[in-house]
Amino acid sequence: MPPTLPWGFSGWHFGRSFLLASTNFFIQLGIVLSMFLGWQFVVGGILLLEKALKCLAFISFMSLLIGIQVKYIFNY
């Protein structure tokens, strides 16, 4: 049984509303930071995000590939 909060705020709707609120907060934070720091930092952040996602995808693929090879070699 999954853990629940003491007052019953653990339903699907509450989780979705939290995700929406946190996403909205980070979008607003990005807008405010872009106003204070300038467009150069926004472009740099987007490029860095793209590079980080590519690196994460590569690491995930390699870990999956290694896991498949280990499972094939040791037969478990």
C-alpha atoms as a PDB file:
ATOM      1  CA  MET A   1       0.000   0.000   0.000  1.00  0.00           C
ATOM      2  CA  PRO A   2       1.465   3.375  -0.973  1.00  0.00           C
ATOM      3  CA  PRO A   3       2.091   5.912   1.777  1.00  0.00           C
ATOM      4  CA  THR A   4      -0.588   8.527   2.245  1.00  0.00           C
ATOM      5  CA  LEU A   5      -0.642  11.930   3.793  1.00  0.00           C
ATOM      6  CA  PRO A   6      -2.404  12.199   7.157  1.00  0.00           C
ATOM      7  CA  TRP A   7      -5.354  14.311   5.963  1.00  0.00           C
ATOM      8  CA  GLY A   8      -6.106  12.358   2.810  1.00  0.00           C
ATOM      9  CA  PHE A   9      -4.442  14.744   0.331  1.00  0.00           C
ATOM     10  CA  SER A  10      -2.864  11.948  -1.652  1.00  0.00           C
ATOM     11  CA  GLY A  11      -5.269  11.526  -4.527  1.00  0.00           C
ATOM     12  CA  TRP A  12      -4.644  11.825  -8.236  1.00  0.00           C
ATOM     13  CA  HIS A  13      -6.076  15.349  -8.415  1.00  0.00           C
ATOM     14  CA  PHE A  14      -3.857  16.680  -5.648  1.00  0.00           C
ATOM     15  CA  GLY A  15      -0.744  15.248  -7.286  1.00  0.00           C
ATOM     16  CA  ARG A  16      -1.647  16.783 -10.642  1.00  0.00           C
ATOM     17  CA  SER A  17      -2.353  20.174  -9.091  1.00  0.00           C
ATOM     18  CA  PHE A  18       1.032  20.087  -7.331  1.00  0.00           C
ATOM     19  CA  LEU A  19       2.787  19.264 -10.604  1.00  0.00           C
ATOM     20  CA  LEU A  20       0.989  22.101 -12.364  1.00  0.00           C
ATOM     21  CA  ALA A  21       1.806  24.574  -9.587  1.00  0.00           C
ATOM     22  CA  SER A  22       5.480  23.623  -9.462  1.00  0.00           C
ATOM     23  CA  THR A  23       5.783  23.814 -13.255  1.00  0.00           C
ATOM     24  CA  ASN A  24       4.120  27.225 -13.232  1.00  0.00           C
ATOM     25  CA  PHE A  25       6.529  28.390 -10.520  1.00  0.00           C
ATOM     26  CA  PHE A  26       9.604  27.385 -12.519  1.00  0.00           C
ATOM     27  CA  ILE A  27       8.275  29.026 -15.682  1.00  0.00           C
ATOM     28  CA  GLN A  28       7.685  32.265 -13.783  1.00  0.00           C
ATOM     29  CA  LEU A  29      11.111  32.014 -12.170  1.00  0.00           C
ATOM     30  CA  GLY A  30      12.685  31.603 -15.604  1.00  0.00           C
ATOM     31  CA  ILE A  31      10.847  34.670 -16.906  1.00  0.00           C
ATOM     32  CA  VAL A  32      11.963  36.806 -13.955  1.00  0.00           C
ATOM     33  CA  LEU A  33      15.571  35.619 -14.249  1.00  0.00           C
ATOM     34  CA  SER A  34      15.574  36.334 -17.971  1.00  0.00           C
ATOM     35  CA  MET A  35      14.396  39.882 -17.279  1.00  0.00           C
ATOM     36  CA  PHE A  36      17.140  40.442 -14.718  1.00  0.00           C
ATOM     37  CA  LEU A  37      20.007  38.656 -16.457  1.00  0.00           C
ATOM     38  CA  GLY A  38      19.349  39.356 -20.120  1.00  0.00           C
ATOM     39  CA  TRP A  39      18.835  37.349 -23.255  1.00  0.00           C
ATOM     40  CA  GLN A  40      22.420  36.037 -23.390  1.00  0.00           C
ATOM     41  CA  PHE A  41      21.921  34.015 -20.214  1.00  0.00           C
ATOM     42  CA  VAL A  42      18.593  32.674 -21.473  1.00  0.00           C
ATOM     43  CA  VAL A  43      20.157  31.453 -24.716  1.00  0.00           C
ATOM     44  CA  GLY A  44      23.080  29.967 -22.781  1.00  0.00           C
ATOM     45  CA  GLY A  45      20.688  28.170 -20.441  1.00  0.00           C
ATOM     46  CA  ILE A  46      18.720  26.700 -23.330  1.00  0.00           C
ATOM     47  CA  LEU A  47      21.898  25.496 -25.029  1.00  0.00           C
ATOM     48  CA  LEU A  48      23.178  24.037 -21.770  1.00  0.00           C
ATOM     49  CA  LEU A  49      19.846  22.279 -21.208  1.00  0.00           C
ATOM     50  CA  GLU A  50      20.054  20.751 -24.674  1.00  0.00           C
ATOM     51  CA  LYS A  51      23.591  19.518 -24.003  1.00  0.00           C
ATOM     52  CA  ALA A  52      22.593  18.132 -20.589  1.00  0.00           C
ATOM     53  CA  LEU A  53      19.631  16.240 -22.064  1.00  0.00           C
ATOM     54  CA  LYS A  54      21.835  14.707 -24.761  1.00  0.00           C
ATOM     55  CA  CYS A  55      24.338  13.638 -22.101  1.00  0.00           C
ATOM     56  CA  LEU A  56      21.567  12.153 -19.936  1.00  0.00           C
ATOM     57  CA  ALA A  57      20.148  10.249 -22.916  1.00  0.00           C
ATOM     58  CA  PHE A  58      23.596   8.854 -23.732  1.00  0.00           C
ATOM     59  CA  ILE A  59      24.212   7.775 -20.128  1.00  0.00           C
ATOM     60  CA  SER A  60      20.766   6.160 -19.928  1.00  0.00           C
ATOM     61  CA  PHE A  61      21.318   4.303 -23.191  1.00  0.00           C
ATOM     62  CA  MET A  62      24.737   3.059 -22.111  1.00  0.00           C
ATOM     63  CA  SER A  63      23.453   1.882 -18.716  1.00  0.00           C
ATOM     64  CA  LEU A  64      20.596   0.051 -20.455  1.00  0.00           C
ATOM     65  CA  LEU A  65      23.023  -1.523 -22.913  1.00  0.00           C
ATOM     66  CA  ILE A  66      25.366  -2.638 -20.119  1.00  0.00           C
ATOM     67  CA  GLY A  67      22.422  -4.045 -18.160  1.00  0.00           C
ATOM     68  CA  ILE A  68      21.271  -6.058 -21.179  1.00  0.00           C
ATOM     69  CA  GLN A  69      24.785  -7.426 -21.745  1.00  0.00           C
ATOM     70  CA  VAL A  70      25.203  -8.394 -18.077  1.00  0.00           C
ATOM     71  CA  LYS A  71      21.834 -10.121 -18.102  1.00  0.00           C
ATOM     72  CA  TYR A  72      22.769 -12.006 -21.290  1.00  0.00           C
ATOM     73  CA  ILE A  73      26.186 -13.085 -19.983  1.00  0.00           C
ATOM     74  CA  PHE A  74      25.091 -14.265 -16.534  1.00  0.00           C
ATOM     75  CA  ASN A  75      21.634 -15.587 -17.548  1.00  0.00           C
ATOM     76  CA  TYR A  76      19.561 -14.128 -14.709  1.00  0.00           C
END
